[in-house]
């Protein structure tokens, strides 16, 4: 059985959130900034997801049009057949992505009983319906993810210090990792 998750977020600013997904939050030298909470590197959503591969096999993205009353960003994530890998089964994922919560509205700690309307500031049904109905596929983001996934999957992991585990940890932005150093080492292999 395949694992398919449908994840929806309300970005504070859609353009900034999409930039974070694509590139992370980087300083003037291109280095991912360190998150104030947890100490991980803000490598961004796409690099973080590629740090989980082969767990994440395919992702499709959707957004509301710019004029929507509520901005929604939706990801349909296809995982592996069978059980998820140990260590990657904990949800919600967004609490693991360094810097993620800075870019979305603070409803991430929604009640597990599904009673979202009890959360202060959560949109009413009319706003949600208006936001969800016009969600449009984002082929540009799908392609950007596939391109990055292909780049990551072509890395000769056995020739990089620490191997696949170290490379994937750097893409996830795990505390203590140095993505730039890993990418520099990979560039020297080409």
Protein backbone atom coordinates (compact mmCIF):
# COMPACT_ATOMS: atom_id res chain seq x y z
CA UNK A 1 0.00 0.00 0.00
CA UNK A 2 1.35 3.43 -0.93
CA UNK A 3 1.45 6.21 1.60
CA UNK A 4 -0.06 9.44 0.25
CA UNK A 5 -0.32 12.53 2.41
CA UNK A 6 -2.16 15.73 1.59
CA UNK A 7 -0.63 18.66 3.44
CA UNK A 8 -2.10 22.17 3.44
CA UNK A 9 -0.57 25.36 4.81
CA UNK A 10 -1.52 29.03 4.94
CA UNK A 11 1.62 31.03 4.08
CA UNK A 12 2.01 34.48 5.59
CA UNK A 13 3.34 35.62 2.21
CA UNK A 14 3.00 33.16 -0.70
CA UNK A 15 5.98 34.47 -2.72
CA UNK A 16 8.29 34.36 0.32
CA UNK A 17 7.04 30.89 1.25
CA UNK A 18 7.60 29.54 -2.27
CA UNK A 19 11.10 31.05 -2.26
CA UNK A 20 11.75 29.28 1.07
CA UNK A 21 10.50 26.01 -0.43
CA UNK A 22 12.81 26.37 -3.43
CA UNK A 23 15.95 27.91 -1.90
CA UNK A 24 15.63 27.99 1.88
CA UNK A 25 16.64 31.06 3.85
CA UNK A 26 20.22 31.95 2.95
CA UNK A 27 22.68 34.64 3.92
CA UNK A 28 24.61 36.92 1.54
CA UNK A 29 27.14 34.10 0.92
CA UNK A 30 24.49 31.55 -0.03
CA UNK A 31 24.79 29.65 3.26
CA UNK A 32 21.55 28.46 4.89
CA UNK A 33 20.83 30.51 8.00
CA UNK A 34 20.58 28.73 11.35
CA UNK A 35 17.06 28.48 12.74
CA UNK A 36 16.49 30.20 16.05
CA UNK A 37 14.51 27.20 17.24
CA UNK A 38 16.29 23.84 17.17
CA UNK A 39 19.54 25.04 15.58
CA UNK A 40 18.96 23.36 12.21
CA UNK A 41 19.90 24.95 8.91
CA UNK A 42 17.12 26.61 6.90
CA UNK A 43 17.83 24.62 3.73
CA UNK A 44 14.21 24.89 2.56
CA UNK A 45 11.39 22.48 1.95
CA UNK A 46 12.66 20.96 -1.33
CA UNK A 47 16.13 20.20 0.03
CA UNK A 48 14.61 18.91 3.27
CA UNK A 49 12.27 16.58 1.35
CA UNK A 50 15.21 15.38 -0.75
CA UNK A 51 17.02 14.64 2.48
CA UNK A 52 14.30 12.05 3.14
CA UNK A 53 14.56 10.31 -0.24
CA UNK A 54 13.89 7.39 -0.80
CA UNK A 55 11.02 7.96 1.63
CA UNK A 56 9.51 10.73 -0.54
CA UNK A 57 9.07 9.43 -4.08
CA UNK A 58 6.87 12.06 -5.65
CA UNK A 59 5.36 15.43 -4.72
CA UNK A 60 2.78 17.63 -6.42
CA UNK A 61 2.11 21.22 -5.40
CA UNK A 62 -0.98 23.44 -5.57
CA UNK A 63 -1.64 27.05 -4.57
CA UNK A 64 -4.57 29.39 -4.44
CA UNK A 65 -4.64 32.28 -6.93
CA UNK A 66 -3.17 35.57 -5.70
CA UNK A 67 -6.63 37.15 -5.23
CA UNK A 68 -7.95 34.41 -2.91
CA UNK A 69 -9.22 35.57 0.50
CA UNK A 70 -7.04 32.94 2.21
CA UNK A 71 -3.68 31.84 0.79
CA UNK A 72 -3.32 28.07 0.69
CA UNK A 73 -0.32 25.98 -0.31
CA UNK A 74 -1.04 22.28 -0.76
CA UNK A 75 1.41 19.42 -1.23
CA UNK A 76 0.43 15.87 -2.16
CA UNK A 77 3.31 13.69 -1.02
CA UNK A 78 3.75 10.10 -2.18
CA UNK A 79 5.87 8.00 0.12
CA UNK A 80 7.06 4.40 -0.08
CA UNK A 81 4.94 1.31 -0.35
CA UNK A 82 4.48 -0.37 3.01
CA UNK A 83 5.56 1.16 6.29
CA UNK A 84 7.53 4.42 6.44
CA UNK A 85 11.19 4.25 7.38
CA UNK A 86 11.84 4.35 11.12
CA UNK A 87 12.49 7.89 12.27
CA UNK A 88 10.46 9.47 9.47
CA UNK A 89 7.03 8.38 10.62
CA UNK A 90 6.57 11.22 13.12
CA UNK A 91 4.12 13.81 11.92
CA UNK A 92 3.64 16.67 11.43
CA UNK A 93 6.76 17.04 9.29
CA UNK A 94 6.71 20.81 9.31
CA UNK A 95 8.00 20.88 12.87
CA UNK A 96 11.16 19.16 11.57
CA UNK A 97 11.89 21.66 8.77
CA UNK A 98 14.15 24.39 10.16
CA UNK A 99 12.55 27.80 9.68
CA UNK A 100 9.27 26.49 8.26
CA UNK A 101 7.05 27.96 10.96
CA UNK A 102 8.40 31.46 10.26
CA UNK A 103 6.68 31.42 6.85
CA UNK A 104 3.23 30.04 7.67
CA UNK A 105 0.36 31.20 9.84
CA UNK A 106 0.51 29.78 13.36
CA UNK A 107 -2.23 27.16 13.04
CA UNK A 108 0.32 24.38 12.84
CA UNK A 109 -0.63 23.02 16.23
CA UNK A 110 -4.17 22.23 15.22
CA UNK A 111 -6.17 19.95 17.49
CA UNK A 112 -5.82 16.28 16.61
CA UNK A 113 -9.58 15.81 17.11
CA UNK A 114 -10.26 17.77 13.92
CA UNK A 115 -12.03 20.65 15.69
CA UNK A 116 -10.05 23.32 13.87
CA UNK A 117 -12.71 25.99 14.35
CA UNK A 118 -11.78 26.14 18.04
CA UNK A 119 -8.37 27.60 17.16
CA UNK A 120 -8.33 31.42 17.53
CA UNK A 121 -7.92 33.11 14.14
CA UNK A 122 -8.73 29.98 12.11
CA UNK A 123 -10.81 30.93 9.03
CA UNK A 124 -14.52 30.23 9.03
CA UNK A 125 -16.09 27.68 6.66
CA UNK A 126 -16.93 30.27 3.99
CA UNK A 127 -13.31 31.51 3.90
CA UNK A 128 -11.96 27.97 3.75
CA UNK A 129 -14.35 26.97 0.97
CA UNK A 130 -13.39 30.07 -1.01
CA UNK A 131 -9.71 29.28 -0.51
CA UNK A 132 -9.77 25.57 -1.24
CA UNK A 133 -12.00 25.49 -4.31
CA UNK A 134 -9.71 27.52 -6.59
CA UNK A 135 -6.49 25.67 -5.66
CA UNK A 136 -4.50 25.28 -8.88
CA UNK A 137 -1.76 22.83 -9.85
CA UNK A 138 1.76 24.29 -9.85
CA UNK A 139 3.61 22.43 -12.61
CA UNK A 140 6.53 24.86 -12.17
CA UNK A 141 7.02 23.75 -8.56
CA UNK A 142 6.52 20.08 -9.47
CA UNK A 143 9.27 20.42 -12.09
CA UNK A 144 11.58 22.33 -9.74
CA UNK A 145 11.20 19.56 -7.15
CA UNK A 146 11.80 16.79 -9.73
CA UNK A 147 14.90 18.62 -11.00
CA UNK A 148 16.31 18.96 -7.49
CA UNK A 149 15.39 15.35 -6.71
CA UNK A 150 17.23 14.17 -9.84
CA UNK A 151 20.30 16.23 -8.87
CA UNK A 152 20.32 14.73 -5.38
CA UNK A 153 19.75 11.20 -6.65
CA UNK A 154 22.71 11.53 -9.05
CA UNK A 155 25.16 12.26 -6.21
CA UNK A 156 27.84 9.54 -5.92
CA UNK A 157 27.11 9.05 -2.20
CA UNK A 158 29.84 6.43 -1.79
CA UNK A 159 32.46 9.04 -2.78
CA UNK A 160 31.33 11.74 -0.32
CA UNK A 161 32.56 11.96 3.28
CA UNK A 162 30.01 10.28 5.53
CA UNK A 163 28.17 8.74 2.58
CA UNK A 164 24.46 8.97 1.90
CA UNK A 165 23.43 9.50 5.53
CA UNK A 166 25.68 12.56 5.90
CA UNK A 167 24.58 14.05 2.57
CA UNK A 168 20.88 13.58 3.30
CA UNK A 169 21.33 15.02 6.82
CA UNK A 170 22.93 18.13 5.27
CA UNK A 171 20.02 18.51 2.84
CA UNK A 172 17.59 18.26 5.75
CA UNK A 173 19.62 20.93 7.55
CA UNK A 174 20.16 18.75 10.63
CA UNK A 175 21.94 20.63 13.44
CA UNK A 176 25.71 20.40 13.10
CA UNK A 177 25.68 19.81 9.33
CA UNK A 178 27.26 22.05 6.69
CA UNK A 179 25.37 21.91 3.39
CA UNK A 180 27.82 24.22 1.63
CA UNK A 181 30.78 22.01 2.55
CA UNK A 182 28.92 18.93 1.32
CA UNK A 183 27.95 20.64 -1.95
CA UNK A 184 31.55 21.87 -2.42
CA UNK A 185 32.83 18.31 -1.94
CA UNK A 186 30.28 16.97 -4.44
CA UNK A 187 31.24 19.68 -6.98
CA UNK A 188 34.89 18.56 -6.78
CA UNK A 189 33.84 15.03 -7.74
CA UNK A 190 32.43 16.14 -11.09
